[in-house]
Amino acid sequence: MGKKNFEDLYKKIELEFKGELKGKISAFSPSFEPQKSYSGAIIYAIDGNYTWKNNEKCRAKNQNGRSFYVIIDSTDDKPYSYFNHIFRKGKVHRPLLKDFLGIEMNYEESLGRICAGGFSYCGEKKELRFKSVYLNEEKQMGCESDETEYLSNLEKSLVEYCFEQYKSNGPDHVFAIPSLIYLNMPWFGKYLMNFF
């Protein structure tokens, strides 16, 4: 499910940063409120690069970014017009990318620039969901999709871990990203968050 080459992608990012992997919750994300719903994305690369500078037409204007940058926003606080309801794909994650990263292009071109995974926190029980037709189902630059709308198991573990960091520490938080060995353990995301 999701990125079928995620393990290889992860290893490439590890090599790029000489094993010093860090995640960051965007400073432009709101503080977590458990009763609200959220859309989110974890950015692995933009334009094939594991480091980048955001353009001038976004929340993170002229800010530097790097792999495992996590953008999260409340969907409850947005007007109906914010969402792309005319599109089958990208109703939630397309405006999220535009707002935070300034990536506003047609469907094929925007995915040609980015390598990312999409998720949400929603529903009656307010739980993480690992689904995004826009970000998980389609092939992206440097990301090979298995053509399903769900994150791969390794990505799920990573997103669980990052979302716990967000809930506990809020926006503008930098944290260590664990080794691939830990991500492969199915219990990692929920139980080892405080050890890294």
C-alpha atoms as a PDB file:
ATOM      1  CA  MET A   1       0.000   0.000   0.000  1.00  0.00           C
ATOM      2  CA  GLY A   2       1.162   3.587  -0.617  1.00  0.00           C
ATOM      3  CA  LYS A   3       4.818   3.985  -1.593  1.00  0.00           C
ATOM      4  CA  LYS A   4       6.103   0.629  -2.737  1.00  0.00           C
ATOM      5  CA  ASN A   5       9.671   2.003  -2.766  1.00  0.00           C
ATOM      6  CA  PHE A   6       9.438   3.666   0.666  1.00  0.00           C
ATOM      7  CA  GLU A   7      12.247   1.606   2.191  1.00  0.00           C
ATOM      8  CA  ASP A   8      14.616   2.608  -0.632  1.00  0.00           C
ATOM      9  CA  LEU A   9      13.490   6.230  -0.395  1.00  0.00           C
ATOM     10  CA  TYR A  10      14.092   6.213   3.365  1.00  0.00           C
ATOM     11  CA  LYS A  11      17.619   4.829   2.869  1.00  0.00           C
ATOM     12  CA  LYS A  12      18.400   7.532   0.295  1.00  0.00           C
ATOM     13  CA  ILE A  13      17.262  10.237   2.724  1.00  0.00           C
ATOM     14  CA  GLU A  14      19.339   8.599   5.473  1.00  0.00           C
ATOM     15  CA  LEU A  15      22.413   8.714   3.221  1.00  0.00           C
ATOM     16  CA  GLU A  16      21.739  12.343   2.293  1.00  0.00           C
ATOM     17  CA  PHE A  17      21.747  13.388   5.957  1.00  0.00           C
ATOM     18  CA  LYS A  18      24.432  10.896   7.075  1.00  0.00           C
ATOM     19  CA  GLY A  19      21.997   9.101   9.366  1.00  0.00           C
ATOM     20  CA  GLU A  20      20.923  12.299  11.187  1.00  0.00           C
ATOM     21  CA  LEU A  21      17.240  12.164  10.354  1.00  0.00           C
ATOM     22  CA  LYS A  22      14.950  14.815  11.789  1.00  0.00           C
ATOM     23  CA  GLY A  23      11.284  15.555  11.458  1.00  0.00           C
ATOM     24  CA  LYS A  24       9.654  18.920  11.899  1.00  0.00           C
ATOM     25  CA  ILE A  25       6.064  19.890  12.545  1.00  0.00           C
ATOM     26  CA  SER A  26       5.488  23.060  10.555  1.00  0.00           C
ATOM     27  CA  ALA A  27       5.495  26.253  12.614  1.00  0.00           C
ATOM     28  CA  PHE A  28       2.441  27.242  10.566  1.00  0.00           C
ATOM     29  CA  SER A  29       0.318  24.340  11.803  1.00  0.00           C
ATOM     30  CA  PRO A  30      -2.227  25.099  14.545  1.00  0.00           C
ATOM     31  CA  SER A  31      -1.967  23.741  18.086  1.00  0.00           C
ATOM     32  CA  PHE A  32      -3.652  20.364  18.477  1.00  0.00           C
ATOM     33  CA  GLU A  33      -7.226  20.296  19.764  1.00  0.00           C
ATOM     34  CA  PRO A  34      -8.533  16.722  20.128  1.00  0.00           C
ATOM     35  CA  GLN A  35     -12.126  17.534  19.148  1.00  0.00           C
ATOM     36  CA  LYS A  36     -11.098  18.987  15.762  1.00  0.00           C
ATOM     37  CA  SER A  37     -10.425  17.249  12.447  1.00  0.00           C
ATOM     38  CA  TYR A  38      -7.124  17.668  10.592  1.00  0.00           C
ATOM     39  CA  SER A  39      -5.556  16.956   7.228  1.00  0.00           C
ATOM     40  CA  GLY A  40      -1.844  16.318   7.046  1.00  0.00           C
ATOM     41  CA  ALA A  41       1.040  15.415   4.796  1.00  0.00           C
ATOM     42  CA  ILE A  42       4.597  14.303   5.382  1.00  0.00           C
ATOM     43  CA  ILE A  43       6.930  15.725   2.749  1.00  0.00           C
ATOM     44  CA  TYR A  44       9.867  13.557   1.662  1.00  0.00           C
ATOM     45  CA  ALA A  45      11.155  15.651  -1.266  1.00  0.00           C
ATOM     46  CA  ILE A  46      10.301  18.575  -3.522  1.00  0.00           C
ATOM     47  CA  ASP A  47      11.622  18.709  -7.097  1.00  0.00           C
ATOM     48  CA  GLY A  48      13.660  15.582  -6.324  1.00  0.00           C
ATOM     49  CA  ASN A  49      15.571  17.299  -3.504  1.00  0.00           C
ATOM     50  CA  TYR A  50      15.566  16.395   0.170  1.00  0.00           C
ATOM     51  CA  THR A  51      16.107  20.053   1.108  1.00  0.00           C
ATOM     52  CA  TRP A  52      14.258  22.976  -0.455  1.00  0.00           C
ATOM     53  CA  LYS A  53      13.159  26.582  -0.053  1.00  0.00           C
ATOM     54  CA  ASN A  54       9.449  27.362  -0.135  1.00  0.00           C
ATOM     55  CA  ASN A  55       8.225  29.913  -2.649  1.00  0.00           C
ATOM     56  CA  GLU A  56       6.794  33.326  -1.842  1.00  0.00           C
ATOM     57  CA  LYS A  57       3.123  32.439  -2.228  1.00  0.00           C
ATOM     58  CA  CYS A  58       2.481  30.254   0.817  1.00  0.00           C
ATOM     59  CA  ARG A  59       2.278  30.214   4.590  1.00  0.00           C
ATOM     60  CA  ALA A  60       5.863  29.040   4.921  1.00  0.00           C
ATOM     61  CA  LYS A  61       7.061  31.840   2.642  1.00  0.00           C
ATOM     62  CA  ASN A  62      10.810  31.646   1.928  1.00  0.00           C
ATOM     63  CA  GLN A  63      11.329  29.082   4.699  1.00  0.00           C
ATOM     64  CA  ASN A  64      13.811  26.251   4.254  1.00  0.00           C
ATOM     65  CA  GLY A  65      12.455  22.728   4.386  1.00  0.00           C
ATOM     66  CA  ARG A  66      13.871  19.213   4.466  1.00  0.00           C
ATOM     67  CA  SER A  67      12.718  15.618   4.388  1.00  0.00           C
ATOM     68  CA  PHE A  68      10.159  14.569   6.980  1.00  0.00           C
ATOM     69  CA  TYR A  69       8.584  18.025   7.108  1.00  0.00           C
ATOM     70  CA  VAL A  70       5.040  17.548   8.432  1.00  0.00           C
ATOM     71  CA  ILE A  71       2.243  19.952   7.540  1.00  0.00           C
ATOM     72  CA  ILE A  72      -1.030  19.709   9.442  1.00  0.00           C
ATOM     73  CA  ASP A  73      -4.075  21.953   9.388  1.00  0.00           C
ATOM     74  CA  SER A  74      -7.548  21.872  10.881  1.00  0.00           C
ATOM     75  CA  THR A  75     -10.254  21.251   8.303  1.00  0.00           C
ATOM     76  CA  ASP A  76     -12.895  22.539  10.740  1.00  0.00           C
ATOM     77  CA  ASP A  77     -11.645  26.112  10.470  1.00  0.00           C
ATOM     78  CA  LYS A  78     -11.894  26.379   6.697  1.00  0.00           C
ATOM     79  CA  PRO A  79     -14.783  27.673   4.592  1.00  0.00           C
ATOM     80  CA  TYR A  80     -16.416  25.353   2.089  1.00  0.00           C
ATOM     81  CA  SER A  81     -14.727  27.259  -0.755  1.00  0.00           C
ATOM     82  CA  TYR A  82     -11.261  26.280   0.578  1.00  0.00           C
ATOM     83  CA  PHE A  83     -11.708  22.698  -0.547  1.00  0.00           C
ATOM     84  CA  ASN A  84     -11.504  21.507  -4.149  1.00  0.00           C
ATOM     85  CA  HIS A  85     -14.920  19.880  -4.334  1.00  0.00           C
ATOM     86  CA  ILE A  86     -14.968  19.867  -8.126  1.00  0.00           C
ATOM     87  CA  PHE A  87     -12.053  17.417  -8.216  1.00  0.00           C
ATOM     88  CA  ARG A  88     -12.327  13.701  -7.539  1.00  0.00           C
ATOM     89  CA  LYS A  89      -8.782  13.737  -6.193  1.00  0.00           C
ATOM     90  CA  GLY A  90      -7.171  16.226  -3.853  1.00  0.00           C
ATOM     91  CA  LYS A  91     -10.198  17.728  -2.106  1.00  0.00           C
ATOM     92  CA  VAL A  92      -8.294  18.086   1.163  1.00  0.00           C
ATOM     93  CA  HIS A  93      -4.608  17.550   0.408  1.00  0.00           C
ATOM     94  CA  ARG A  94      -4.445  19.698  -2.721  1.00  0.00           C
ATOM     95  CA  PRO A  95      -5.370  22.942  -0.851  1.00  0.00           C
ATOM     96  CA  LEU A  96      -3.081  21.892   2.033  1.00  0.00           C
ATOM     97  CA  LEU A  97      -0.069  21.760  -0.307  1.00  0.00           C
ATOM     98  CA  LYS A  98      -1.033  25.047  -1.927  1.00  0.00           C
ATOM     99  CA  ASP A  99      -1.504  26.818   1.402  1.00  0.00           C
ATOM    100  CA  PHE A 100       1.672  25.560   3.130  1.00  0.00           C
ATOM    101  CA  LEU A 101       4.104  25.037   0.247  1.00  0.00           C
ATOM    102  CA  GLY A 102       2.753  27.179  -2.578  1.00  0.00           C
ATOM    103  CA  ILE A 103       2.448  24.178  -4.869  1.00  0.00           C
ATOM    104  CA  GLU A 104      -0.512  25.171  -6.993  1.00  0.00           C
ATOM    105  CA  MET A 105      -0.497  23.464 -10.325  1.00  0.00           C
ATOM    106  CA  ASN A 106      -2.684  21.079 -12.184  1.00  0.00           C
ATOM    107  CA  TYR A 107      -2.916  17.547 -10.888  1.00  0.00           C
ATOM    108  CA  GLU A 108      -0.155  15.916 -12.939  1.00  0.00           C
ATOM    109  CA  GLU A 109       2.313  18.805 -12.646  1.00  0.00           C
ATOM    110  CA  SER A 110       2.025  19.202  -8.872  1.00  0.00           C
ATOM    111  CA  LEU A 111       2.607  15.491  -8.298  1.00  0.00           C
ATOM    112  CA  GLY A 112       5.567  15.715 -10.659  1.00  0.00           C
ATOM    113  CA  ARG A 113       7.205  18.090  -8.161  1.00  0.00           C
ATOM    114  CA  ILE A 114       6.524  16.439  -4.827  1.00  0.00           C
ATOM    115  CA  CYS A 115       7.124  13.173  -2.996  1.00  0.00           C
ATOM    116  CA  ALA A 116       4.807  12.986   0.023  1.00  0.00           C
ATOM    117  CA  GLY A 117       2.294  10.916   1.948  1.00  0.00           C
ATOM    118  CA  GLY A 118      -1.158  12.089   3.007  1.00  0.00           C
ATOM    119  CA  PHE A 119      -3.174  11.350   6.128  1.00  0.00           C
ATOM    120  CA  SER A 120      -5.958  12.799   8.280  1.00  0.00           C
ATOM    121  CA  TYR A 121      -7.278  12.825  11.835  1.00  0.00           C
ATOM    122  CA  CYS A 122     -11.057  12.725  11.754  1.00  0.00           C
ATOM    123  CA  GLY A 123     -14.270  10.780  12.137  1.00  0.00           C
ATOM    124  CA  GLU A 124     -16.622  10.340  15.060  1.00  0.00           C
ATOM    125  CA  LYS A 125     -13.894   8.682  17.137  1.00  0.00           C
ATOM    126  CA  LYS A 126     -11.243  11.203  16.027  1.00  0.00           C
ATOM    127  CA  GLU A 127      -8.562   8.795  14.853  1.00  0.00           C
ATOM    128  CA  LEU A 128      -5.702   8.793  12.387  1.00  0.00           C
ATOM    129  CA  ARG A 129      -6.579   7.698   8.878  1.00  0.00           C
ATOM    130  CA  PHE A 130      -3.883   6.874   6.375  1.00  0.00           C
ATOM    131  CA  LYS A 131      -5.768   7.597   3.165  1.00  0.00           C
ATOM    132  CA  SER A 132      -5.234  10.110   0.371  1.00  0.00           C
ATOM    133  CA  VAL A 133      -6.187   9.448  -3.217  1.00  0.00           C
ATOM    134  CA  TYR A 134      -4.218  12.546  -4.226  1.00  0.00           C
ATOM    135  CA  LEU A 135      -0.939  11.825  -2.412  1.00  0.00           C
ATOM    136  CA  ASN A 136      -0.824   8.060  -1.902  1.00  0.00           C
ATOM    137  CA  GLU A 137      -2.368   6.538  -5.006  1.00  0.00           C
ATOM    138  CA  GLU A 138      -0.455   8.345  -7.734  1.00  0.00           C
ATOM    139  CA  LYS A 139       3.169   8.129  -8.827  1.00  0.00           C
ATOM    140  CA  GLN A 140       5.226  11.123  -7.706  1.00  0.00           C
ATOM    141  CA  MET A 141       8.764  12.342  -8.363  1.00  0.00           C
ATOM    142  CA  GLY A 142      10.971   9.781  -6.600  1.00  0.00           C
ATOM    143  CA  CYS A 143       7.975   7.896  -5.175  1.00  0.00           C
ATOM    144  CA  GLU A 144       6.589   4.744  -6.724  1.00  0.00           C
ATOM    145  CA  SER A 145       2.974   4.152  -5.724  1.00  0.00           C
ATOM    146  CA  ASP A 146       1.377   0.760  -5.549  1.00  0.00           C
ATOM    147  CA  GLU A 147      -1.754   2.558  -6.837  1.00  0.00           C
ATOM    148  CA  THR A 148      -3.722   2.261  -3.588  1.00  0.00           C
ATOM    149  CA  GLU A 149      -4.912   5.297  -1.645  1.00  0.00           C
ATOM    150  CA  TYR A 150      -3.426   4.127   1.675  1.00  0.00           C
ATOM    151  CA  LEU A 151       0.030   4.694   3.137  1.00  0.00           C
ATOM    152  CA  SER A 152       2.414   1.754   3.243  1.00  0.00           C
ATOM    153  CA  ASN A 153       2.859   0.057   6.626  1.00  0.00           C
ATOM    154  CA  LEU A 154       6.226   1.751   7.188  1.00  0.00           C
ATOM    155  CA  GLU A 155       4.717   5.141   6.366  1.00  0.00           C
ATOM    156  CA  LYS A 156       1.857   4.460   8.782  1.00  0.00           C
ATOM    157  CA  SER A 157       4.346   3.832  11.599  1.00  0.00           C
ATOM    158  CA  LEU A 158       6.196   7.034  10.706  1.00  0.00           C
ATOM    159  CA  VAL A 159       2.990   9.097  10.572  1.00  0.00           C
ATOM    160  CA  GLU A 160       1.793   7.682  13.919  1.00  0.00           C
ATOM    161  CA  TYR A 161       5.105   8.690  15.456  1.00  0.00           C
ATOM    162  CA  CYS A 162       5.063  12.182  13.917  1.00  0.00           C
ATOM    163  CA  PHE A 163       1.447  12.788  14.891  1.00  0.00           C
ATOM    164  CA  GLU A 164       2.215  11.838  18.497  1.00  0.00           C
ATOM    165  CA  GLN A 165       5.036  14.377  18.405  1.00  0.00           C
ATOM    166  CA  TYR A 166       2.564  16.972  17.133  1.00  0.00           C
ATOM    167  CA  LYS A 167      -0.030  16.168  19.810  1.00  0.00           C
ATOM    168  CA  SER A 168       2.560  16.258  22.614  1.00  0.00           C
ATOM    169  CA  ASN A 169       4.734  19.176  21.501  1.00  0.00           C
ATOM    170  CA  GLY A 170       2.673  21.271  19.102  1.00  0.00           C
ATOM    171  CA  PRO A 171       3.815  23.129  15.994  1.00  0.00           C
ATOM    172  CA  ASP A 172       7.389  24.263  15.262  1.00  0.00           C
ATOM    173  CA  HIS A 173       8.778  21.133  16.906  1.00  0.00           C
ATOM    174  CA  VAL A 174      11.924  19.357  15.631  1.00  0.00           C
ATOM    175  CA  PHE A 175      12.519  15.741  16.631  1.00  0.00           C
ATOM    176  CA  ALA A 176      14.711  12.758  15.774  1.00  0.00           C
ATOM    177  CA  ILE A 177      13.363  10.299  13.224  1.00  0.00           C
ATOM    178  CA  PRO A 178      14.007   6.656  14.160  1.00  0.00           C
ATOM    179  CA  SER A 179      15.877   4.080  12.178  1.00  0.00           C
ATOM    180  CA  LEU A 180      14.123   1.945   9.598  1.00  0.00           C
ATOM    181  CA  ILE A 181      14.548  -1.052  11.916  1.00  0.00           C
ATOM    182  CA  TYR A 182      12.165   0.501  14.452  1.00  0.00           C
ATOM    183  CA  LEU A 183       9.646   1.542  11.837  1.00  0.00           C
ATOM    184  CA  ASN A 184       9.411  -2.095  10.753  1.00  0.00           C
ATOM    185  CA  MET A 185       8.119  -3.045  14.198  1.00  0.00           C
ATOM    186  CA  PRO A 186       4.299  -2.893  14.118  1.00  0.00           C
ATOM    187  CA  TRP A 187       4.059  -1.557  17.676  1.00  0.00           C
ATOM    188  CA  PHE A 188       6.568   1.231  17.123  1.00  0.00           C
ATOM    189  CA  GLY A 189       4.330   4.191  16.277  1.00  0.00           C
ATOM    190  CA  LYS A 190       2.174   4.020  19.390  1.00  0.00           C
ATOM    191  CA  TYR A 191       4.568   2.791  22.061  1.00  0.00           C
ATOM    192  CA  LEU A 192       8.098   4.045  21.394  1.00  0.00           C
ATOM    193  CA  MET A 193       7.358   7.706  20.693  1.00  0.00           C
ATOM    194  CA  ASN A 194       8.955   8.939  23.926  1.00  0.00           C
ATOM    195  CA  PHE A 195      12.234   7.062  23.445  1.00  0.00           C
ATOM    196  CA  PHE A 196      13.519   9.196  20.562  1.00  0.00           C
END
